[in-house]
Amino acid sequence: MKITCVIPCHNEESTVESVVEGCRKYCGEIFLIDDGSTDETASRAAKAGAHVVKHAVRLGAGSALSTGFEIALRSGADIIVTLDGDGQHSPDDVPRVVKPILDGAADFVVGSRFLENAGSTPIHKKIGNKLLSSATSLVCGRRITDSQSGFRAYTRNALKWVIHEAKDYAWASETLILAARRGFRVTEVPIRSIYLSNRQRGAGVSDGPKILYETLKRRPADK
């Protein structure tokens, strides 16, 4: 099984080397998508052993991931893992995230920050994620505890059918909805998360209403 890692990044020069080096222990190939960074993210990722693909300008998290997905599929990946480049996710959780796929029990795995202990997750993110996860669960027809998690694993076959259109953070719910509608087996596993007070990235408060709208508009009309 060829396990390939896709890491979307924007201005993560202080953490990207350790993330790439950590992933190399578990992934045979790493593609880092530099989404218009203006710092040394690309050069440090390459130095650590990642294949770097650069967007000339910042296109958004969703766009960075869709670029990475297409490259990973072309490279012959069997399992595609995604995680953030800001140090929020521990690469040592990669085996936990891919295990349900290796065991033949899942097609799509989400690493959830809320199955065991939310740890240092900021309160506004806990509240926002609960709301968005509830909306995603409603549209999917199954319980999702962490719809916005970027730490995931997909089988090759599943990923081909759930590549999103969203260019921004709405990608996270969109992929789950597509997977549910196409009958793929989705499961969650607990992961650790680390939030540093001076490095809170990802979707912010202003992104929440747009993600909620994009998610709920996918709800099937009542018959």
C-alpha atoms as a PDB file:
ATOM      1  CA  MET A   1       0.000   0.000   0.000  1.00  0.00           C
ATOM      2  CA  LYS A   2       1.440   3.333  -1.037  1.00  0.00           C
ATOM      3  CA  ILE A   3       0.570   5.959   1.569  1.00  0.00           C
ATOM      4  CA  THR A   4       0.928   9.514   0.287  1.00  0.00           C
ATOM      5  CA  CYS A   5       0.617  12.678   2.359  1.00  0.00           C
ATOM      6  CA  VAL A   6      -0.813  15.986   1.121  1.00  0.00           C
ATOM      7  CA  ILE A   7      -0.061  19.071   3.211  1.00  0.00           C
ATOM      8  CA  PRO A   8      -1.640  22.435   2.314  1.00  0.00           C
ATOM      9  CA  CYS A   9       0.387  25.389   3.610  1.00  0.00           C
ATOM     10  CA  HIS A  10       0.423  29.161   3.722  1.00  0.00           C
ATOM     11  CA  ASN A  11       3.270  30.901   5.545  1.00  0.00           C
ATOM     12  CA  GLU A  12       4.241  28.028   7.864  1.00  0.00           C
ATOM     13  CA  GLU A  13       8.037  28.365   7.755  1.00  0.00           C
ATOM     14  CA  SER A  14       8.437  27.849  11.505  1.00  0.00           C
ATOM     15  CA  THR A  15       6.689  24.468  11.640  1.00  0.00           C
ATOM     16  CA  VAL A  16       6.689  22.911   8.170  1.00  0.00           C
ATOM     17  CA  GLU A  17      10.071  21.139   8.452  1.00  0.00           C
ATOM     18  CA  SER A  18       9.106  19.224  11.583  1.00  0.00           C
ATOM     19  CA  VAL A  19       5.722  18.295  10.094  1.00  0.00           C
ATOM     20  CA  VAL A  20       7.277  16.965   6.880  1.00  0.00           C
ATOM     21  CA  GLU A  21       9.999  15.100   8.766  1.00  0.00           C
ATOM     22  CA  GLY A  22       7.376  13.526  11.024  1.00  0.00           C
ATOM     23  CA  CYS A  23       5.250  12.422   8.085  1.00  0.00           C
ATOM     24  CA  ARG A  24       8.219  10.814   6.331  1.00  0.00           C
ATOM     25  CA  LYS A  25       8.208   8.103   9.021  1.00  0.00           C
ATOM     26  CA  TYR A  26       4.815   6.879   7.818  1.00  0.00           C
ATOM     27  CA  CYS A  27       4.270   8.123   4.257  1.00  0.00           C
ATOM     28  CA  GLY A  28       6.194   7.036   1.185  1.00  0.00           C
ATOM     29  CA  GLU A  29       5.646  10.335  -0.606  1.00  0.00           C
ATOM     30  CA  ILE A  30       4.769  13.827   0.579  1.00  0.00           C
ATOM     31  CA  PHE A  31       3.300  16.606  -1.539  1.00  0.00           C
ATOM     32  CA  LEU A  32       3.269  20.039   0.035  1.00  0.00           C
ATOM     33  CA  ILE A  33       1.047  22.593  -1.673  1.00  0.00           C
ATOM     34  CA  ASP A  34       2.399  26.055  -0.975  1.00  0.00           C
ATOM     35  CA  ASP A  35      -0.636  28.300  -1.338  1.00  0.00           C
ATOM     36  CA  GLY A  36       0.978  31.616  -2.187  1.00  0.00           C
ATOM     37  CA  SER A  37       3.330  31.811   0.796  1.00  0.00           C
ATOM     38  CA  THR A  38       5.533  34.872   1.113  1.00  0.00           C
ATOM     39  CA  ASP A  39       8.026  33.298   3.528  1.00  0.00           C
ATOM     40  CA  GLU A  40      10.400  30.301   3.391  1.00  0.00           C
ATOM     41  CA  THR A  41       7.698  27.616   3.593  1.00  0.00           C
ATOM     42  CA  ALA A  42       8.509  26.104   0.186  1.00  0.00           C
ATOM     43  CA  SER A  43      12.285  25.930   0.590  1.00  0.00           C
ATOM     44  CA  ARG A  44      12.101  24.496   4.111  1.00  0.00           C
ATOM     45  CA  ALA A  45       9.553  21.879   3.058  1.00  0.00           C
ATOM     46  CA  ALA A  46      11.744  20.836   0.139  1.00  0.00           C
ATOM     47  CA  LYS A  47      14.770  20.639   2.417  1.00  0.00           C
ATOM     48  CA  ALA A  48      12.818  18.310   4.726  1.00  0.00           C
ATOM     49  CA  GLY A  49      11.993  15.973   1.839  1.00  0.00           C
ATOM     50  CA  ALA A  50       8.624  17.071   0.446  1.00  0.00           C
ATOM     51  CA  HIS A  51       7.735  17.511  -3.203  1.00  0.00           C
ATOM     52  CA  VAL A  52       6.630  21.148  -3.303  1.00  0.00           C
ATOM     53  CA  VAL A  53       3.963  22.505  -5.638  1.00  0.00           C
ATOM     54  CA  LYS A  54       3.484  26.269  -5.524  1.00  0.00           C
ATOM     55  CA  HIS A  55       0.423  28.391  -6.179  1.00  0.00           C
ATOM     56  CA  ALA A  56       1.676  31.762  -7.426  1.00  0.00           C
ATOM     57  CA  VAL A  57      -1.034  33.513  -5.404  1.00  0.00           C
ATOM     58  CA  ARG A  58      -3.131  32.418  -2.455  1.00  0.00           C
ATOM     59  CA  LEU A  59      -6.185  30.528  -3.753  1.00  0.00           C
ATOM     60  CA  GLY A  60      -7.568  29.119  -0.513  1.00  0.00           C
ATOM     61  CA  ALA A  61      -7.332  25.955   1.559  1.00  0.00           C
ATOM     62  CA  GLY A  62      -9.824  24.097  -0.603  1.00  0.00           C
ATOM     63  CA  SER A  63      -7.925  24.919  -3.768  1.00  0.00           C
ATOM     64  CA  ALA A  64      -4.625  23.829  -2.233  1.00  0.00           C
ATOM     65  CA  LEU A  65      -6.086  20.473  -1.249  1.00  0.00           C
ATOM     66  CA  SER A  66      -7.738  19.825  -4.618  1.00  0.00           C
ATOM     67  CA  THR A  67      -4.373  20.489  -6.297  1.00  0.00           C
ATOM     68  CA  GLY A  68      -2.719  18.040  -3.915  1.00  0.00           C
ATOM     69  CA  PHE A  69      -5.406  15.402  -4.404  1.00  0.00           C
ATOM     70  CA  GLU A  70      -5.058  15.429  -8.170  1.00  0.00           C
ATOM     71  CA  ILE A  71      -1.263  15.104  -7.940  1.00  0.00           C
ATOM     72  CA  ALA A  72      -1.479  12.304  -5.357  1.00  0.00           C
ATOM     73  CA  LEU A  73      -3.888  10.326  -7.512  1.00  0.00           C
ATOM     74  CA  ARG A  74      -1.663  10.747 -10.561  1.00  0.00           C
ATOM     75  CA  SER A  75       1.306   9.540  -8.517  1.00  0.00           C
ATOM     76  CA  GLY A  76      -0.401   6.203  -7.870  1.00  0.00           C
ATOM     77  CA  ALA A  77      -1.237   6.673  -4.185  1.00  0.00           C
ATOM     78  CA  ASP A  78      -3.371   3.948  -2.581  1.00  0.00           C
ATOM     79  CA  ILE A  79      -4.108   5.881   0.614  1.00  0.00           C
ATOM     80  CA  ILE A  80      -4.018   9.676   0.779  1.00  0.00           C
ATOM     81  CA  VAL A  81      -3.481  11.379   4.139  1.00  0.00           C
ATOM     82  CA  THR A  82      -3.998  15.095   4.727  1.00  0.00           C
ATOM     83  CA  LEU A  83      -2.916  17.162   7.704  1.00  0.00           C
ATOM     84  CA  ASP A  84      -2.109  20.782   8.442  1.00  0.00           C
ATOM     85  CA  GLY A  85       1.374  22.230   8.184  1.00  0.00           C
ATOM     86  CA  ASP A  86       1.072  24.535  11.200  1.00  0.00           C
ATOM     87  CA  GLY A  87       1.964  21.958  13.838  1.00  0.00           C
ATOM     88  CA  GLN A  88      -1.612  21.582  15.090  1.00  0.00           C
ATOM     89  CA  HIS A  89      -1.614  17.894  14.106  1.00  0.00           C
ATOM     90  CA  SER A  90       0.892  15.301  15.263  1.00  0.00           C
ATOM     91  CA  PRO A  91       2.331  13.220  12.399  1.00  0.00           C
ATOM     92  CA  ASP A  92       2.614  10.392  14.916  1.00  0.00           C
ATOM     93  CA  ASP A  93      -1.178  10.048  14.664  1.00  0.00           C
ATOM     94  CA  VAL A  94      -0.909   9.032  10.991  1.00  0.00           C
ATOM     95  CA  PRO A  95      -0.947   5.294  11.839  1.00  0.00           C
ATOM     96  CA  ARG A  96      -4.112   5.789  13.887  1.00  0.00           C
ATOM     97  CA  VAL A  97      -5.851   7.640  11.051  1.00  0.00           C
ATOM     98  CA  VAL A  98      -4.970   5.105   8.347  1.00  0.00           C
ATOM     99  CA  LYS A  99      -5.640   1.992  10.467  1.00  0.00           C
ATOM    100  CA  PRO A 100      -9.390   1.656   9.665  1.00  0.00           C
ATOM    101  CA  ILE A 101      -8.519   1.712   5.946  1.00  0.00           C
ATOM    102  CA  LEU A 102      -5.704  -0.825   6.325  1.00  0.00           C
ATOM    103  CA  ASP A 103      -8.086  -3.026   8.320  1.00  0.00           C
ATOM    104  CA  GLY A 104     -10.662  -2.844   5.504  1.00  0.00           C
ATOM    105  CA  ALA A 105     -13.201  -1.149   7.766  1.00  0.00           C
ATOM    106  CA  ALA A 106     -13.429   2.293   6.159  1.00  0.00           C
ATOM    107  CA  ASP A 107     -13.001   4.232   2.917  1.00  0.00           C
ATOM    108  CA  PHE A 108     -12.647   7.665   4.514  1.00  0.00           C
ATOM    109  CA  VAL A 109     -11.342   8.444   8.000  1.00  0.00           C
ATOM    110  CA  VAL A 110     -11.603  11.744   9.868  1.00  0.00           C
ATOM    111  CA  GLY A 111      -9.301  12.482  12.777  1.00  0.00           C
ATOM    112  CA  SER A 112     -11.573  13.974  15.419  1.00  0.00           C
ATOM    113  CA  ARG A 113     -10.406  16.361  18.113  1.00  0.00           C
ATOM    114  CA  PHE A 114     -13.613  15.782  20.062  1.00  0.00           C
ATOM    115  CA  LEU A 115     -14.000  12.011  20.416  1.00  0.00           C
ATOM    116  CA  GLU A 116     -11.856  11.881  23.532  1.00  0.00           C
ATOM    117  CA  ASN A 117     -10.547  15.204  24.795  1.00  0.00           C
ATOM    118  CA  ALA A 118     -10.673  18.539  23.031  1.00  0.00           C
ATOM    119  CA  GLY A 119      -7.525  19.518  24.915  1.00  0.00           C
ATOM    120  CA  SER A 120      -6.295  23.007  24.086  1.00  0.00           C
ATOM    121  CA  THR A 121      -8.876  23.723  21.379  1.00  0.00           C
ATOM    122  CA  PRO A 122      -9.948  27.391  21.825  1.00  0.00           C
ATOM    123  CA  ILE A 123     -13.510  27.826  23.061  1.00  0.00           C
ATOM    124  CA  HIS A 124     -14.667  29.730  19.964  1.00  0.00           C
ATOM    125  CA  LYS A 125     -13.434  26.869  17.788  1.00  0.00           C
ATOM    126  CA  LYS A 126     -15.216  24.301  19.968  1.00  0.00           C
ATOM    127  CA  ILE A 127     -18.496  26.188  19.667  1.00  0.00           C
ATOM    128  CA  GLY A 128     -18.132  26.875  15.940  1.00  0.00           C
ATOM    129  CA  ASN A 129     -17.106  23.314  15.190  1.00  0.00           C
ATOM    130  CA  LYS A 130     -20.039  21.878  17.135  1.00  0.00           C
ATOM    131  CA  LEU A 131     -22.451  23.994  15.108  1.00  0.00           C
ATOM    132  CA  LEU A 132     -20.854  23.119  11.772  1.00  0.00           C
ATOM    133  CA  SER A 133     -20.529  19.441  12.684  1.00  0.00           C
ATOM    134  CA  SER A 134     -24.210  19.343  13.632  1.00  0.00           C
ATOM    135  CA  ALA A 135     -25.167  20.909  10.290  1.00  0.00           C
ATOM    136  CA  THR A 136     -22.902  18.496   8.404  1.00  0.00           C
ATOM    137  CA  SER A 137     -24.350  15.539  10.315  1.00  0.00           C
ATOM    138  CA  LEU A 138     -27.858  16.674   9.408  1.00  0.00           C
ATOM    139  CA  VAL A 139     -27.050  16.848   5.706  1.00  0.00           C
ATOM    140  CA  CYS A 140     -25.009  13.614   5.718  1.00  0.00           C
ATOM    141  CA  GLY A 141     -27.561  11.632   7.686  1.00  0.00           C
ATOM    142  CA  ARG A 142     -24.870  10.336  10.053  1.00  0.00           C
ATOM    143  CA  ARG A 143     -23.160  11.684  13.188  1.00  0.00           C
ATOM    144  CA  ILE A 144     -19.927  13.617  12.609  1.00  0.00           C
ATOM    145  CA  THR A 145     -18.136  15.052  15.643  1.00  0.00           C
ATOM    146  CA  ASP A 146     -15.417  17.047  13.848  1.00  0.00           C
ATOM    147  CA  SER A 147     -16.499  18.017  10.360  1.00  0.00           C
ATOM    148  CA  GLN A 148     -13.812  20.700  10.059  1.00  0.00           C
ATOM    149  CA  SER A 149     -10.825  18.503  10.848  1.00  0.00           C
ATOM    150  CA  GLY A 150      -8.112  18.622   8.211  1.00  0.00           C
ATOM    151  CA  PHE A 151      -6.441  15.424   9.447  1.00  0.00           C
ATOM    152  CA  ARG A 152      -7.949  12.719   7.240  1.00  0.00           C
ATOM    153  CA  ALA A 153      -7.257   9.597   5.214  1.00  0.00           C
ATOM    154  CA  TYR A 154      -8.943   8.435   2.019  1.00  0.00           C
ATOM    155  CA  THR A 155      -8.752   5.335  -0.114  1.00  0.00           C
ATOM    156  CA  ARG A 156      -7.841   6.029  -3.700  1.00  0.00           C
ATOM    157  CA  ASN A 157     -11.290   5.004  -4.906  1.00  0.00           C
ATOM    158  CA  ALA A 158     -13.127   7.184  -2.398  1.00  0.00           C
ATOM    159  CA  LEU A 159     -11.010  10.241  -3.076  1.00  0.00           C
ATOM    160  CA  LYS A 160     -11.711  10.101  -6.811  1.00  0.00           C
ATOM    161  CA  TRP A 161     -15.409  10.599  -6.015  1.00  0.00           C
ATOM    162  CA  VAL A 162     -15.256  13.166  -3.215  1.00  0.00           C
ATOM    163  CA  ILE A 163     -12.917  15.838  -4.575  1.00  0.00           C
ATOM    164  CA  HIS A 164     -14.604  19.084  -3.643  1.00  0.00           C
ATOM    165  CA  GLU A 165     -15.361  22.253  -5.584  1.00  0.00           C
ATOM    166  CA  ALA A 166     -15.043  24.688  -2.670  1.00  0.00           C
ATOM    167  CA  LYS A 167     -11.953  26.867  -2.784  1.00  0.00           C
ATOM    168  CA  ASP A 168     -12.166  27.882   0.874  1.00  0.00           C
ATOM    169  CA  TYR A 169     -12.755  26.075   4.176  1.00  0.00           C
ATOM    170  CA  ALA A 170     -16.166  24.796   3.063  1.00  0.00           C
ATOM    171  CA  TRP A 171     -14.262  21.901   1.440  1.00  0.00           C
ATOM    172  CA  ALA A 172     -14.276  19.989   4.735  1.00  0.00           C
ATOM    173  CA  SER A 173     -18.044  19.545   4.976  1.00  0.00           C
ATOM    174  CA  GLU A 174     -18.439  19.192   1.222  1.00  0.00           C
ATOM    175  CA  THR A 175     -16.228  16.087   1.050  1.00  0.00           C
ATOM    176  CA  LEU A 176     -18.153  14.428   3.879  1.00  0.00           C
ATOM    177  CA  ILE A 177     -21.472  15.114   2.182  1.00  0.00           C
ATOM    178  CA  LEU A 178     -20.223  13.738  -1.126  1.00  0.00           C
ATOM    179  CA  ALA A 179     -18.908  10.612   0.618  1.00  0.00           C
ATOM    180  CA  ALA A 180     -22.207  10.000   2.412  1.00  0.00           C
ATOM    181  CA  ARG A 181     -24.255  10.397  -0.753  1.00  0.00           C
ATOM    182  CA  ARG A 182     -22.021   8.001  -2.658  1.00  0.00           C
ATOM    183  CA  GLY A 183     -22.190   5.333   0.011  1.00  0.00           C
ATOM    184  CA  PHE A 184     -18.589   5.357   1.195  1.00  0.00           C
ATOM    185  CA  ARG A 185     -17.823   4.095   4.682  1.00  0.00           C
ATOM    186  CA  VAL A 186     -16.838   7.083   6.823  1.00  0.00           C
ATOM    187  CA  THR A 187     -15.477   6.736  10.334  1.00  0.00           C
ATOM    188  CA  GLU A 188     -13.777   8.958  12.898  1.00  0.00           C
ATOM    189  CA  VAL A 189     -10.803   8.236  15.152  1.00  0.00           C
ATOM    190  CA  PRO A 190      -9.519  10.362  18.034  1.00  0.00           C
ATOM    191  CA  ILE A 191      -6.475  12.541  17.423  1.00  0.00           C
ATOM    192  CA  ARG A 192      -4.463  15.005  19.439  1.00  0.00           C
ATOM    193  CA  SER A 193      -4.389  18.684  18.601  1.00  0.00           C
ATOM    194  CA  ILE A 194      -2.065  21.465  19.696  1.00  0.00           C
ATOM    195  CA  TYR A 195      -3.038  25.124  19.631  1.00  0.00           C
ATOM    196  CA  LEU A 196      -0.433  27.761  20.398  1.00  0.00           C
ATOM    197  CA  SER A 197      -1.801  31.144  21.425  1.00  0.00           C
ATOM    198  CA  ASN A 198       0.282  32.979  18.845  1.00  0.00           C
ATOM    199  CA  ARG A 199      -0.423  30.516  15.998  1.00  0.00           C
ATOM    200  CA  GLN A 200      -4.168  30.034  15.658  1.00  0.00           C
ATOM    201  CA  ARG A 201      -4.800  29.268  12.005  1.00  0.00           C
ATOM    202  CA  GLY A 202      -7.573  27.657  10.007  1.00  0.00           C
ATOM    203  CA  ALA A 203     -11.140  28.813   9.651  1.00  0.00           C
ATOM    204  CA  GLY A 204     -11.957  31.858  11.745  1.00  0.00           C
ATOM    205  CA  VAL A 205     -15.153  33.259  13.193  1.00  0.00           C
ATOM    206  CA  SER A 206     -15.869  35.153   9.964  1.00  0.00           C
ATOM    207  CA  ASP A 207     -15.654  31.925   7.928  1.00  0.00           C
ATOM    208  CA  GLY A 208     -18.292  30.132   9.997  1.00  0.00           C
ATOM    209  CA  PRO A 209     -21.483  31.644   8.509  1.00  0.00           C
ATOM    210  CA  LYS A 210     -20.315  30.986   4.952  1.00  0.00           C
ATOM    211  CA  ILE A 211     -19.400  27.376   5.715  1.00  0.00           C
ATOM    212  CA  LEU A 212     -22.766  26.903   7.444  1.00  0.00           C
ATOM    213  CA  TYR A 213     -24.626  28.321   4.456  1.00  0.00           C
ATOM    214  CA  GLU A 214     -22.680  26.231   1.950  1.00  0.00           C
ATOM    215  CA  THR A 215     -23.348  23.119   4.045  1.00  0.00           C
ATOM    216  CA  LEU A 216     -27.070  23.612   4.621  1.00  0.00           C
ATOM    217  CA  LYS A 217     -27.807  24.472   1.005  1.00  0.00           C
ATOM    218  CA  ARG A 218     -26.747  20.926   0.149  1.00  0.00           C
ATOM    219  CA  ARG A 219     -29.554  19.488   2.241  1.00  0.00           C
ATOM    220  CA  PRO A 220     -31.938  17.533  -0.004  1.00  0.00           C
ATOM    221  CA  ALA A 221     -35.258  19.234  -0.576  1.00  0.00           C
ATOM    222  CA  ASP A 222     -38.198  17.670   1.273  1.00  0.00           C
ATOM    223  CA  LYS A 223     -40.298  15.485  -0.966  1.00  0.00           C
END
